[in-house]
Amino acid sequence: MKRRSLMIALGTLLLHRPALAHTNAELANRRGPQGGQMRATATLHLELVGRADELLLYVYDHDDRPVATKGAAGRATLLLGADRSELMLEPFGTNGLRAAGKVVPDPKLRVVVSLTLPGARPQQERFEPFRPLVVKK
């Protein structure tokens, strides 16, 4: 009887794999495939890369496979002290969204990303503090 209960429990865990997905604490110190900072939403992994003149958001599933962003809409709200600015994210490439705008490499910078993929519910995640990847061109 115990063995059967154990098998049922293991089967349930395997079928409900998203419940075992990465948490933001696990992703906090991990760099993403593009060198950016990672965060997890309920159904996605988001990688945010900040450069001097643009902000890039890459979208992955919980197995870190790229998720198509064609038709997606997004917004990034940058918060630094009392200063607040918003950047509209537009799809680019296969799994990215991009916004032109100045990204200040400040340890107190916070970025709130809102994302809506076609046919999916809107999702939001905070990158706090946000550590931009400043790349010289």
Protein backbone atom coordinates (compact mmCIF):
# COMPACT_ATOMS: atom_id res chain seq x y z
CA MET A 1 0.00 0.00 0.00
CA LYS A 2 2.81 2.42 0.88
CA ARG A 3 4.56 1.66 -2.39
CA ARG A 4 1.40 2.39 -4.38
CA SER A 5 0.89 5.70 -2.54
CA LEU A 6 4.49 6.64 -3.25
CA MET A 7 4.09 5.84 -6.96
CA ILE A 8 0.92 7.94 -7.17
CA ALA A 9 2.66 10.84 -5.43
CA LEU A 10 5.67 10.66 -7.76
CA GLY A 11 3.41 10.46 -10.80
CA THR A 12 1.49 13.51 -9.64
CA LEU A 13 4.72 15.48 -9.18
CA LEU A 14 5.92 14.56 -12.66
CA LEU A 15 2.61 15.54 -14.26
CA HIS A 16 2.59 18.88 -12.44
CA ARG A 17 6.12 19.89 -13.36
CA PRO A 18 5.42 23.66 -13.52
CA ALA A 19 4.94 23.56 -9.76
CA LEU A 20 8.61 22.60 -9.56
CA ALA A 21 9.71 25.47 -11.83
CA HIS A 22 12.50 27.82 -10.87
CA THR A 23 11.78 30.57 -8.39
CA ASN A 24 13.15 34.09 -8.56
CA ALA A 25 15.46 33.28 -5.66
CA GLU A 26 17.00 30.48 -7.72
CA LEU A 27 17.27 32.67 -10.83
CA ALA A 28 18.49 35.82 -9.06
CA ASN A 29 22.21 35.16 -9.44
CA ARG A 30 22.02 33.24 -12.70
CA ARG A 31 22.82 34.98 -15.96
CA GLY A 32 20.55 34.17 -18.88
CA PRO A 33 21.59 32.97 -22.32
CA GLN A 34 22.01 36.60 -23.48
CA GLY A 35 23.96 37.57 -20.35
CA GLY A 36 20.99 39.29 -18.72
CA GLN A 37 19.20 39.03 -15.41
CA MET A 38 16.57 36.28 -15.07
CA ARG A 39 13.17 36.25 -13.35
CA ALA A 40 10.27 33.78 -13.31
CA THR A 41 6.58 34.44 -13.79
CA ALA A 42 3.87 31.82 -13.35
CA THR A 43 4.48 30.37 -16.82
CA LEU A 44 7.63 32.01 -18.19
CA HIS A 45 11.26 32.86 -17.58
CA LEU A 46 12.13 36.42 -18.53
CA GLU A 47 15.64 37.68 -19.23
CA LEU A 48 16.21 41.43 -19.14
CA VAL A 49 19.29 42.97 -20.73
CA GLY A 50 19.96 46.68 -20.38
CA ARG A 51 22.38 48.48 -22.65
CA ALA A 52 23.26 52.15 -22.73
CA ASP A 53 20.61 52.91 -25.39
CA GLU A 54 18.14 50.03 -25.29
CA LEU A 55 16.36 47.50 -23.13
CA LEU A 56 15.94 43.91 -24.35
CA LEU A 57 13.56 41.32 -22.94
CA TYR A 58 13.92 37.66 -23.91
CA VAL A 59 11.11 35.20 -23.22
CA TYR A 60 11.55 31.49 -22.39
CA ASP A 61 9.38 28.71 -21.02
CA HIS A 62 10.28 27.13 -17.67
CA ASP A 63 12.58 24.70 -19.48
CA ASP A 64 14.47 27.71 -20.90
CA ARG A 65 13.27 27.10 -24.46
CA PRO A 66 12.57 30.29 -26.47
CA VAL A 67 8.93 31.40 -26.62
CA ALA A 68 7.78 33.21 -29.78
CA THR A 69 7.04 36.90 -29.23
CA LYS A 70 5.45 37.71 -32.59
CA GLY A 71 2.34 39.78 -31.82
CA ALA A 72 3.37 40.34 -28.19
CA ALA A 73 3.09 43.68 -26.41
CA GLY A 74 5.09 44.88 -23.46
CA ARG A 75 6.03 47.79 -21.28
CA ALA A 76 9.00 48.40 -19.02
CA THR A 77 8.68 50.88 -16.18
CA LEU A 78 12.05 52.14 -14.93
CA LEU A 79 12.11 53.43 -11.35
CA LEU A 80 15.06 55.26 -9.86
CA GLY A 81 14.29 57.17 -6.69
CA ALA A 82 11.49 59.60 -7.55
CA ASP A 83 12.19 59.32 -11.30
CA ARG A 84 9.90 57.13 -13.36
CA SER A 85 9.95 56.43 -17.08
CA GLU A 86 8.15 53.99 -19.33
CA LEU A 87 9.44 52.25 -22.41
CA MET A 88 7.22 50.35 -24.85
CA LEU A 89 8.60 46.94 -25.78
CA GLU A 90 8.21 45.83 -29.42
CA PRO A 91 8.81 42.27 -30.68
CA PHE A 92 12.09 41.49 -32.42
CA GLY A 93 13.78 38.26 -33.41
CA THR A 94 12.13 35.01 -32.44
CA ASN A 95 11.78 35.41 -28.66
CA GLY A 96 12.64 39.01 -27.87
CA LEU A 97 11.13 42.42 -27.26
CA ARG A 98 13.10 45.65 -27.53
CA ALA A 99 12.70 49.28 -26.44
CA ALA A 100 14.92 52.21 -27.28
CA GLY A 101 15.78 54.40 -24.32
CA LYS A 102 18.51 55.29 -21.88
CA VAL A 103 19.21 52.71 -19.18
CA VAL A 104 21.14 54.10 -16.22
CA PRO A 105 23.50 51.55 -14.64
CA ASP A 106 22.54 52.37 -11.05
CA PRO A 107 22.36 49.78 -8.23
CA LYS A 108 19.06 51.31 -7.07
CA LEU A 109 17.36 50.95 -10.47
CA ARG A 110 14.18 48.87 -10.46
CA VAL A 111 12.41 47.71 -13.61
CA VAL A 112 8.84 46.41 -13.75
CA VAL A 113 8.06 44.50 -16.93
CA SER A 114 4.52 43.89 -18.17
CA LEU A 115 4.12 41.41 -21.01
CA THR A 116 1.17 40.08 -22.98
CA LEU A 117 1.73 37.24 -25.42
CA PRO A 118 -0.95 36.49 -28.05
CA GLY A 119 -3.72 34.36 -26.57
CA ALA A 120 -2.25 34.52 -23.05
CA ARG A 121 -2.98 36.46 -19.88
CA PRO A 122 -0.82 39.50 -19.13
CA GLN A 123 2.14 38.82 -16.86
CA GLN A 124 4.26 41.15 -14.78
CA GLU A 125 7.60 40.79 -13.05
CA ARG A 126 9.97 43.04 -11.10
CA PHE A 127 13.71 43.17 -11.62
CA GLU A 128 14.75 44.64 -8.30
CA PRO A 129 17.46 45.73 -8.24
CA PHE A 130 18.07 45.60 -11.97
CA ARG A 131 21.68 45.06 -12.95
CA PRO A 132 22.05 46.30 -16.53
CA LEU A 133 24.59 44.64 -18.78
CA VAL A 134 26.47 47.58 -20.25
CA VAL A 135 28.08 46.53 -23.51
CA LYS A 136 30.36 48.82 -25.47
CA LYS A 137 29.55 48.95 -29.16
